[in-house]
Amino acid sequence: MALSAAVFALRVGGLVAGQAPLRPEWERALQFAPLAALSALIVVTLAGRAHGRWEGVIAGVGAAVVARRSGRMWACILSGMAVYWLLRRL
């Protein structure tokens, strides 16, 4: 109950203070929030596989190579998903 109230308060606070200016330090720090969230999801997903399955690790490495070479997030996501699905089918 308390967690749902806290989430609700955060959402309402974001709506109320949505147009308030932020200090430049906060602006710069918040630019990395999506990348940090995506990285956390990837690490938790890969670390949770202790059954000897390497599909996720190989797909992650392939996606990282595509991201480094292309610089496009959509290409990274699509290539990682394609490699993962192909390896799962084998």
PDB file of N, CA and C in Angstrom:
ATOM      1  N   MET A   1       0.825  -1.188   0.000  1.00  0.00           N
ATOM      2  CA  MET A   1       0.000   0.000   0.000  1.00  0.00           C
ATOM      3  C   MET A   1       0.874   1.258   0.000  1.00  0.00           C
ATOM      4  N   ALA A   2       1.914   1.255   0.828  1.00  0.00           N
ATOM      5  CA  ALA A   2       2.778   2.427   0.917  1.00  0.00           C
ATOM      6  C   ALA A   2       3.551   2.633  -0.382  1.00  0.00           C
ATOM      7  N   LEU A   3       3.940   1.530  -1.019  1.00  0.00           N
ATOM      8  CA  LEU A   3       4.672   1.650  -2.275  1.00  0.00           C
ATOM      9  C   LEU A   3       3.791   2.243  -3.369  1.00  0.00           C
ATOM     10  N   SER A   4       2.546   1.822  -3.425  1.00  0.00           N
ATOM     11  CA  SER A   4       1.648   2.383  -4.436  1.00  0.00           C
ATOM     12  C   SER A   4       1.374   3.863  -4.162  1.00  0.00           C
ATOM     13  N   ALA A   5       1.284   4.251  -2.910  1.00  0.00           N
ATOM     14  CA  ALA A   5       1.101   5.664  -2.579  1.00  0.00           C
ATOM     15  C   ALA A   5       2.333   6.479  -2.967  1.00  0.00           C
ATOM     16  N   ALA A   6       3.518   5.913  -2.777  1.00  0.00           N
ATOM     17  CA  ALA A   6       4.748   6.615  -3.153  1.00  0.00           C
ATOM     18  C   ALA A   6       4.844   6.780  -4.665  1.00  0.00           C
ATOM     19  N   VAL A   7       4.486   5.730  -5.406  1.00  0.00           N
ATOM     20  CA  VAL A   7       4.510   5.826  -6.865  1.00  0.00           C
ATOM     21  C   VAL A   7       3.498   6.857  -7.342  1.00  0.00           C
ATOM     22  N   PHE A   8       2.318   6.849  -6.756  1.00  0.00           N
ATOM     23  CA  PHE A   8       1.303   7.828  -7.114  1.00  0.00           C
ATOM     24  C   PHE A   8       1.787   9.248  -6.836  1.00  0.00           C
ATOM     25  N   ALA A   9       2.423   9.450  -5.693  1.00  0.00           N
ATOM     26  CA  ALA A   9       2.944  10.776  -5.349  1.00  0.00           C
ATOM     27  C   ALA A   9       4.019  11.220  -6.333  1.00  0.00           C
ATOM     28  N   LEU A  10       4.867  10.299  -6.738  1.00  0.00           N
ATOM     29  CA  LEU A  10       5.900  10.649  -7.726  1.00  0.00           C
ATOM     30  C   LEU A  10       5.284  11.044  -9.063  1.00  0.00           C
ATOM     31  N   ARG A  11       4.271  10.314  -9.478  1.00  0.00           N
ATOM     32  CA  ARG A  11       3.627  10.633 -10.764  1.00  0.00           C
ATOM     33  C   ARG A  11       2.901  11.977 -10.706  1.00  0.00           C
ATOM     34  N   VAL A  12       2.184  12.222  -9.644  1.00  0.00           N
ATOM     35  CA  VAL A  12       1.481  13.506  -9.504  1.00  0.00           C
ATOM     36  C   VAL A  12       2.498  14.637  -9.409  1.00  0.00           C
ATOM     37  N   GLY A  13       3.579  14.409  -8.674  1.00  0.00           N
ATOM     38  CA  GLY A  13       4.633  15.425  -8.575  1.00  0.00           C
ATOM     39  C   GLY A  13       5.254  15.736  -9.925  1.00  0.00           C
ATOM     40  N   GLY A  14       5.431  14.711 -10.750  1.00  0.00           N
ATOM     41  CA  GLY A  14       5.957  14.932 -12.092  1.00  0.00           C
ATOM     42  C   GLY A  14       5.004  15.723 -12.967  1.00  0.00           C
ATOM     43  N   LEU A  15       3.713  15.488 -12.800  1.00  0.00           N
ATOM     44  CA  LEU A  15       2.731  16.246 -13.578  1.00  0.00           C
ATOM     45  C   LEU A  15       2.642  17.698 -13.110  1.00  0.00           C
ATOM     46  N   VAL A  16       2.688  17.899 -11.822  1.00  0.00           N
ATOM     47  CA  VAL A  16       2.570  19.249 -11.270  1.00  0.00           C
ATOM     48  C   VAL A  16       3.812  20.073 -11.580  1.00  0.00           C
ATOM     49  N   ALA A  17       4.970  19.481 -11.395  1.00  0.00           N
ATOM     50  CA  ALA A  17       6.232  20.212 -11.574  1.00  0.00           C
ATOM     51  C   ALA A  17       6.857  19.936 -12.939  1.00  0.00           C
ATOM     52  N   GLY A  18       6.054  19.522 -13.896  1.00  0.00           N
ATOM     53  CA  GLY A  18       6.574  19.142 -15.210  1.00  0.00           C
ATOM     54  C   GLY A  18       7.235  20.269 -15.978  1.00  0.00           C
ATOM     55  N   GLN A  19       6.805  21.488 -15.777  1.00  0.00           N
ATOM     56  CA  GLN A  19       7.353  22.624 -16.511  1.00  0.00           C
ATOM     57  C   GLN A  19       8.376  23.419 -15.714  1.00  0.00           C
ATOM     58  N   ALA A  20       8.669  22.976 -14.522  1.00  0.00           N
ATOM     59  CA  ALA A  20       9.643  23.694 -13.691  1.00  0.00           C
ATOM     60  C   ALA A  20      11.048  23.500 -14.251  1.00  0.00           C
ATOM     61  N   PRO A  21      11.830  24.561 -14.274  1.00  0.00           N
ATOM     62  CA  PRO A  21      13.196  24.425 -14.807  1.00  0.00           C
ATOM     63  C   PRO A  21      14.082  23.625 -13.849  1.00  0.00           C
ATOM     64  N   LEU A  22      14.995  22.843 -14.440  1.00  0.00           N
ATOM     65  CA  LEU A  22      15.943  22.053 -13.655  1.00  0.00           C
ATOM     66  C   LEU A  22      17.326  22.672 -13.734  1.00  0.00           C
ATOM     67  N   ARG A  23      18.103  22.423 -12.708  1.00  0.00           N
ATOM     68  CA  ARG A  23      19.483  22.887 -12.748  1.00  0.00           C
ATOM     69  C   ARG A  23      20.243  22.097 -13.804  1.00  0.00           C
ATOM     70  N   PRO A  24      21.264  22.678 -14.421  1.00  0.00           N
ATOM     71  CA  PRO A  24      21.999  21.986 -15.494  1.00  0.00           C
ATOM     72  C   PRO A  24      22.606  20.653 -15.062  1.00  0.00           C
ATOM     73  N   GLU A  25      23.006  20.543 -13.788  1.00  0.00           N
ATOM     74  CA  GLU A  25      23.570  19.274 -13.312  1.00  0.00           C
ATOM     75  C   GLU A  25      22.526  18.159 -13.368  1.00  0.00           C
ATOM     76  N   TRP A  26      21.289  18.497 -12.984  1.00  0.00           N
ATOM     77  CA  TRP A  26      20.220  17.508 -13.019  1.00  0.00           C
ATOM     78  C   TRP A  26      19.850  17.151 -14.450  1.00  0.00           C
ATOM     79  N   GLU A  27      19.821  18.147 -15.329  1.00  0.00           N
ATOM     80  CA  GLU A  27      19.529  17.885 -16.735  1.00  0.00           C
ATOM     81  C   GLU A  27      20.533  16.902 -17.313  1.00  0.00           C
ATOM     82  N   ARG A  28      21.804  17.138 -17.037  1.00  0.00           N
ATOM     83  CA  ARG A  28      22.868  16.273 -17.551  1.00  0.00           C
ATOM     84  C   ARG A  28      22.763  14.870 -16.956  1.00  0.00           C
ATOM     85  N   ALA A  29      22.476  14.775 -15.669  1.00  0.00           N
ATOM     86  CA  ALA A  29      22.375  13.467 -15.017  1.00  0.00           C
ATOM     87  C   ALA A  29      21.170  12.681 -15.526  1.00  0.00           C
ATOM     88  N   LEU A  30      20.046  13.358 -15.748  1.00  0.00           N
ATOM     89  CA  LEU A  30      18.838  12.669 -16.192  1.00  0.00           C
ATOM     90  C   LEU A  30      18.927  12.189 -17.634  1.00  0.00           C
ATOM     91  N   GLN A  31      19.878  12.692 -18.409  1.00  0.00           N
ATOM     92  CA  GLN A  31      20.055  12.200 -19.769  1.00  0.00           C
ATOM     93  C   GLN A  31      20.496  10.738 -19.776  1.00  0.00           C
ATOM     94  N   PHE A  32      21.110  10.287 -18.695  1.00  0.00           N
ATOM     95  CA  PHE A  32      21.612   8.920 -18.632  1.00  0.00           C
ATOM     96  C   PHE A  32      20.629   7.947 -17.985  1.00  0.00           C
ATOM     97  N   ALA A  33      19.471   8.404 -17.571  1.00  0.00           N
ATOM     98  CA  ALA A  33      18.497   7.538 -16.907  1.00  0.00           C
ATOM     99  C   ALA A  33      18.001   6.409 -17.809  1.00  0.00           C
ATOM    100  N   PRO A  34      17.629   6.653 -19.074  1.00  0.00           N
ATOM    101  CA  PRO A  34      17.179   5.527 -19.910  1.00  0.00           C
ATOM    102  C   PRO A  34      18.271   4.486 -20.134  1.00  0.00           C
ATOM    103  N   LEU A  35      19.484   4.934 -20.351  1.00  0.00           N
ATOM    104  CA  LEU A  35      20.589   4.005 -20.549  1.00  0.00           C
ATOM    105  C   LEU A  35      20.859   3.190 -19.290  1.00  0.00           C
ATOM    106  N   ALA A  36      20.780   3.824 -18.145  1.00  0.00           N
ATOM    107  CA  ALA A  36      20.998   3.110 -16.882  1.00  0.00           C
ATOM    108  C   ALA A  36      19.897   2.078 -16.640  1.00  0.00           C
ATOM    109  N   ALA A  37      18.655   2.428 -16.939  1.00  0.00           N
ATOM    110  CA  ALA A  37      17.552   1.488 -16.746  1.00  0.00           C
ATOM    111  C   ALA A  37      17.681   0.298 -17.689  1.00  0.00           C
ATOM    112  N   LEU A  38      18.020   0.549 -18.946  1.00  0.00           N
ATOM    113  CA  LEU A  38      18.190  -0.539 -19.909  1.00  0.00           C
ATOM    114  C   LEU A  38      19.358  -1.434 -19.510  1.00  0.00           C
ATOM    115  N   SER A  39      20.448  -0.844 -19.069  1.00  0.00           N
ATOM    116  CA  SER A  39      21.602  -1.626 -18.628  1.00  0.00           C
ATOM    117  C   SER A  39      21.253  -2.492 -17.425  1.00  0.00           C
ATOM    118  N   ALA A  40      20.499  -1.946 -16.504  1.00  0.00           N
ATOM    119  CA  ALA A  40      20.098  -2.725 -15.324  1.00  0.00           C
ATOM    120  C   ALA A  40      19.223  -3.904 -15.721  1.00  0.00           C
ATOM    121  N   LEU A  41      18.303  -3.698 -16.638  1.00  0.00           N
ATOM    122  CA  LEU A  41      17.458  -4.802 -17.097  1.00  0.00           C
ATOM    123  C   LEU A  41      18.276  -5.890 -17.775  1.00  0.00           C
ATOM    124  N   ILE A  42      19.238  -5.488 -18.576  1.00  0.00           N
ATOM    125  CA  ILE A  42      20.078  -6.466 -19.286  1.00  0.00           C
ATOM    126  C   ILE A  42      20.924  -7.257 -18.307  1.00  0.00           C
ATOM    127  N   VAL A  43      21.562  -6.588 -17.364  1.00  0.00           N
ATOM    128  CA  VAL A  43      22.430  -7.273 -16.401  1.00  0.00           C
ATOM    129  C   VAL A  43      21.625  -8.232 -15.540  1.00  0.00           C
ATOM    130  N   VAL A  44      20.465  -7.811 -15.081  1.00  0.00           N
ATOM    131  CA  VAL A  44      19.633  -8.694 -14.254  1.00  0.00           C
ATOM    132  C   VAL A  44      19.183  -9.904 -15.060  1.00  0.00           C
ATOM    133  N   THR A  45      18.824  -9.703 -16.298  1.00  0.00           N
ATOM    134  CA  THR A  45      18.379 -10.808 -17.146  1.00  0.00           C
ATOM    135  C   THR A  45      19.506 -11.793 -17.398  1.00  0.00           C
ATOM    136  N   LEU A  46      20.674 -11.297 -17.736  1.00  0.00           N
ATOM    137  CA  LEU A  46      21.798 -12.182 -18.034  1.00  0.00           C
ATOM    138  C   LEU A  46      22.335 -12.852 -16.778  1.00  0.00           C
ATOM    139  N   ALA A  47      22.352 -12.167 -15.672  1.00  0.00           N
ATOM    140  CA  ALA A  47      22.870 -12.741 -14.432  1.00  0.00           C
ATOM    141  C   ALA A  47      21.921 -13.792 -13.867  1.00  0.00           C
ATOM    142  N   GLY A  48      20.664 -13.725 -14.200  1.00  0.00           N
ATOM    143  CA  GLY A  48      19.697 -14.676 -13.674  1.00  0.00           C
ATOM    144  C   GLY A  48      19.742 -16.037 -14.336  1.00  0.00           C
ATOM    145  N   ARG A  49      20.491 -16.172 -15.408  1.00  0.00           N
ATOM    146  CA  ARG A  49      20.560 -17.448 -16.117  1.00  0.00           C
ATOM    147  C   ARG A  49      21.754 -18.253 -15.621  1.00  0.00           C
ATOM    148  N   ALA A  50      21.505 -19.174 -14.724  1.00  0.00           N
ATOM    149  CA  ALA A  50      22.581 -19.997 -14.176  1.00  0.00           C
ATOM    150  C   ALA A  50      22.509 -21.434 -14.686  1.00  0.00           C
ATOM    151  N   HIS A  51      21.712 -21.689 -15.701  1.00  0.00           N
ATOM    152  CA  HIS A  51      21.509 -23.049 -16.179  1.00  0.00           C
ATOM    153  C   HIS A  51      22.380 -23.383 -17.390  1.00  0.00           C
ATOM    154  N   GLY A  52      23.421 -22.618 -17.632  1.00  0.00           N
ATOM    155  CA  GLY A  52      24.301 -22.906 -18.747  1.00  0.00           C
ATOM    156  C   GLY A  52      23.789 -22.426 -20.090  1.00  0.00           C
ATOM    157  N   ARG A  53      22.780 -21.587 -20.105  1.00  0.00           N
ATOM    158  CA  ARG A  53      22.252 -21.063 -21.369  1.00  0.00           C
ATOM    159  C   ARG A  53      23.033 -19.818 -21.749  1.00  0.00           C
ATOM    160  N   TRP A  54      23.628 -19.854 -22.904  1.00  0.00           N
ATOM    161  CA  TRP A  54      24.466 -18.748 -23.361  1.00  0.00           C
ATOM    162  C   TRP A  54      23.812 -17.930 -24.467  1.00  0.00           C
ATOM    163  N   GLU A  55      22.558 -18.214 -24.786  1.00  0.00           N
ATOM    164  CA  GLU A  55      21.903 -17.471 -25.869  1.00  0.00           C
ATOM    165  C   GLU A  55      21.847 -15.978 -25.582  1.00  0.00           C
ATOM    166  N   GLY A  56      21.495 -15.647 -24.353  1.00  0.00           N
ATOM    167  CA  GLY A  56      21.381 -14.238 -23.989  1.00  0.00           C
ATOM    168  C   GLY A  56      22.707 -13.509 -24.022  1.00  0.00           C
ATOM    169  N   VAL A  57      23.758 -14.176 -23.590  1.00  0.00           N
ATOM    170  CA  VAL A  57      25.082 -13.549 -23.595  1.00  0.00           C
ATOM    171  C   VAL A  57      25.557 -13.319 -25.025  1.00  0.00           C
ATOM    172  N   ILE A  58      25.390 -14.324 -25.882  1.00  0.00           N
ATOM    173  CA  ILE A  58      25.804 -14.188 -27.285  1.00  0.00           C
ATOM    174  C   ILE A  58      24.978 -13.109 -27.977  1.00  0.00           C
ATOM    175  N   ALA A  59      23.673 -13.089 -27.723  1.00  0.00           N
ATOM    176  CA  ALA A  59      22.818 -12.060 -28.313  1.00  0.00           C
ATOM    177  C   ALA A  59      23.207 -10.677 -27.810  1.00  0.00           C
ATOM    178  N   GLY A  60      23.554 -10.572 -26.540  1.00  0.00           N
ATOM    179  CA  GLY A  60      23.985  -9.284 -25.985  1.00  0.00           C
ATOM    180  C   GLY A  60      25.276  -8.789 -26.612  1.00  0.00           C
ATOM    181  N   VAL A  61      26.216  -9.700 -26.817  1.00  0.00           N
ATOM    182  CA  VAL A  61      27.474  -9.314 -27.470  1.00  0.00           C
ATOM    183  C   VAL A  61      27.215  -8.895 -28.912  1.00  0.00           C
ATOM    184  N   GLY A  62      26.373  -9.646 -29.610  1.00  0.00           N
ATOM    185  CA  GLY A  62      26.036  -9.274 -30.990  1.00  0.00           C
ATOM    186  C   GLY A  62      25.347  -7.923 -31.073  1.00  0.00           C
ATOM    187  N   ALA A  63      24.435  -7.678 -30.156  1.00  0.00           N
ATOM    188  CA  ALA A  63      23.741  -6.389 -30.129  1.00  0.00           C
ATOM    189  C   ALA A  63      24.705  -5.258 -29.805  1.00  0.00           C
ATOM    190  N   ALA A  64      25.657  -5.511 -28.912  1.00  0.00           N
ATOM    191  CA  ALA A  64      26.637  -4.481 -28.570  1.00  0.00           C
ATOM    192  C   ALA A  64      27.509  -4.137 -29.769  1.00  0.00           C
ATOM    193  N   VAL A  65      27.875  -5.147 -30.552  1.00  0.00           N
ATOM    194  CA  VAL A  65      28.681  -4.898 -31.764  1.00  0.00           C
ATOM    195  C   VAL A  65      27.886  -4.054 -32.752  1.00  0.00           C
ATOM    196  N   VAL A  66      26.626  -4.410 -32.952  1.00  0.00           N
ATOM    197  CA  VAL A  66      25.794  -3.639 -33.875  1.00  0.00           C
ATOM    198  C   VAL A  66      25.608  -2.215 -33.368  1.00  0.00           C
ATOM    199  N   ALA A  67      25.398  -2.046 -32.070  1.00  0.00           N
ATOM    200  CA  ALA A  67      25.223  -0.701 -31.503  1.00  0.00           C
ATOM    201  C   ALA A  67      26.482   0.130 -31.680  1.00  0.00           C
ATOM    202  N   ARG A  68      27.622  -0.483 -31.479  1.00  0.00           N
ATOM    203  CA  ARG A  68      28.896   0.242 -31.614  1.00  0.00           C
ATOM    204  C   ARG A  68      29.145   0.671 -33.053  1.00  0.00           C
ATOM    205  N   ARG A  69      28.828  -0.223 -33.992  1.00  0.00           N
ATOM    206  CA  ARG A  69      29.100   0.092 -35.404  1.00  0.00           C
ATOM    207  C   ARG A  69      28.064   1.020 -36.018  1.00  0.00           C
ATOM    208  N   SER A  70      26.795   0.832 -35.652  1.00  0.00           N
ATOM    209  CA  SER A  70      25.753   1.632 -36.301  1.00  0.00           C
ATOM    210  C   SER A  70      25.397   2.884 -35.507  1.00  0.00           C
ATOM    211  N   GLY A  71      25.474   2.799 -34.177  1.00  0.00           N
ATOM    212  CA  GLY A  71      25.088   3.931 -33.346  1.00  0.00           C
ATOM    213  C   GLY A  71      23.585   4.125 -33.257  1.00  0.00           C
ATOM    214  N   ARG A  72      22.817   3.140 -33.676  1.00  0.00           N
ATOM    215  CA  ARG A  72      21.357   3.249 -33.666  1.00  0.00           C
ATOM    216  C   ARG A  72      20.767   2.234 -32.692  1.00  0.00           C
ATOM    217  N   MET A  73      19.946   2.731 -31.775  1.00  0.00           N
ATOM    218  CA  MET A  73      19.377   1.870 -30.752  1.00  0.00           C
ATOM    219  C   MET A  73      18.431   0.834 -31.347  1.00  0.00           C
ATOM    220  N   TRP A  74      17.630   1.219 -32.341  1.00  0.00           N
ATOM    221  CA  TRP A  74      16.687   0.274 -32.915  1.00  0.00           C
ATOM    222  C   TRP A  74      17.417  -0.884 -33.580  1.00  0.00           C
ATOM    223  N   ALA A  75      18.562  -0.634 -34.219  1.00  0.00           N
ATOM    224  CA  ALA A  75      19.328  -1.708 -34.843  1.00  0.00           C
ATOM    225  C   ALA A  75      19.912  -2.634 -33.780  1.00  0.00           C
ATOM    226  N   CYS A  76      20.332  -2.065 -32.677  1.00  0.00           N
ATOM    227  CA  CYS A  76      20.857  -2.852 -31.559  1.00  0.00           C
ATOM    228  C   CYS A  76      19.786  -3.784 -31.010  1.00  0.00           C
ATOM    229  N   ILE A  77      18.613  -3.272 -30.772  1.00  0.00           N
ATOM    230  CA  ILE A  77      17.530  -4.073 -30.197  1.00  0.00           C
ATOM    231  C   ILE A  77      17.087  -5.160 -31.161  1.00  0.00           C
ATOM    232  N   LEU A  78      16.884  -4.803 -32.418  1.00  0.00           N
ATOM    233  CA  LEU A  78      16.433  -5.799 -33.402  1.00  0.00           C
ATOM    234  C   LEU A  78      17.463  -6.892 -33.618  1.00  0.00           C
ATOM    235  N   SER A  79      18.728  -6.524 -33.708  1.00  0.00           N
ATOM    236  CA  SER A  79      19.749  -7.547 -33.936  1.00  0.00           C
ATOM    237  C   SER A  79      19.891  -8.458 -32.727  1.00  0.00           C
ATOM    238  N   GLY A  80      19.849  -7.899 -31.532  1.00  0.00           N
ATOM    239  CA  GLY A  80      19.923  -8.723 -30.334  1.00  0.00           C
ATOM    240  C   GLY A  80      18.759  -9.690 -30.226  1.00  0.00           C
ATOM    241  N   MET A  81      17.559  -9.214 -30.530  1.00  0.00           N
ATOM    242  CA  MET A  81      16.389 -10.085 -30.489  1.00  0.00           C
ATOM    243  C   MET A  81      16.476 -11.172 -31.549  1.00  0.00           C
ATOM    244  N   ALA A  82      16.924 -10.809 -32.745  1.00  0.00           N
ATOM    245  CA  ALA A  82      17.029 -11.795 -33.831  1.00  0.00           C
ATOM    246  C   ALA A  82      18.045 -12.878 -33.487  1.00  0.00           C
ATOM    247  N   VAL A  83      19.203 -12.495 -32.984  1.00  0.00           N
ATOM    248  CA  VAL A  83      20.216 -13.490 -32.611  1.00  0.00           C
ATOM    249  C   VAL A  83      19.697 -14.379 -31.489  1.00  0.00           C
ATOM    250  N   TYR A  84      19.055 -13.801 -30.515  1.00  0.00           N
ATOM    251  CA  TYR A  84      18.526 -14.582 -29.397  1.00  0.00           C
ATOM    252  C   TYR A  84      17.492 -15.593 -29.881  1.00  0.00           C
ATOM    253  N   TRP A  85      16.559 -15.142 -30.706  1.00  0.00           N
ATOM    254  CA  TRP A  85      15.511 -16.052 -31.194  1.00  0.00           C
ATOM    255  C   TRP A  85      16.100 -17.147 -32.076  1.00  0.00           C
ATOM    256  N   LEU A  86      17.064 -16.806 -32.906  1.00  0.00           N
ATOM    257  CA  LEU A  86      17.708 -17.823 -33.739  1.00  0.00           C
ATOM    258  C   LEU A  86      18.424 -18.879 -32.899  1.00  0.00           C
ATOM    259  N   LEU A  87      19.149 -18.433 -31.882  1.00  0.00           N
ATOM    260  CA  LEU A  87      19.845 -19.383 -31.031  1.00  0.00           C
ATOM    261  C   LEU A  87      18.883 -20.251 -30.214  1.00  0.00           C
ATOM    262  N   ARG A  88      17.752 -19.721 -29.836  1.00  0.00           N
ATOM    263  CA  ARG A  88      16.757 -20.499 -29.096  1.00  0.00           C
ATOM    264  C   ARG A  88      16.113 -21.568 -29.981  1.00  0.00           C
ATOM    265  N   ARG A  89      16.027 -21.273 -31.285  1.00  0.00           N
ATOM    266  CA  ARG A  89      15.417 -22.228 -32.225  1.00  0.00           C
ATOM    267  C   ARG A  89      16.350 -23.392 -32.536  1.00  0.00           C
ATOM    268  N   LEU A  90      17.644 -23.195 -32.382  1.00  0.00           N
ATOM    269  CA  LEU A  90      18.622 -24.243 -32.722  1.00  0.00           C
ATOM    270  C   LEU A  90      18.673 -25.337 -31.698  1.00  0.00           C
TER     271      LEU A  90
END
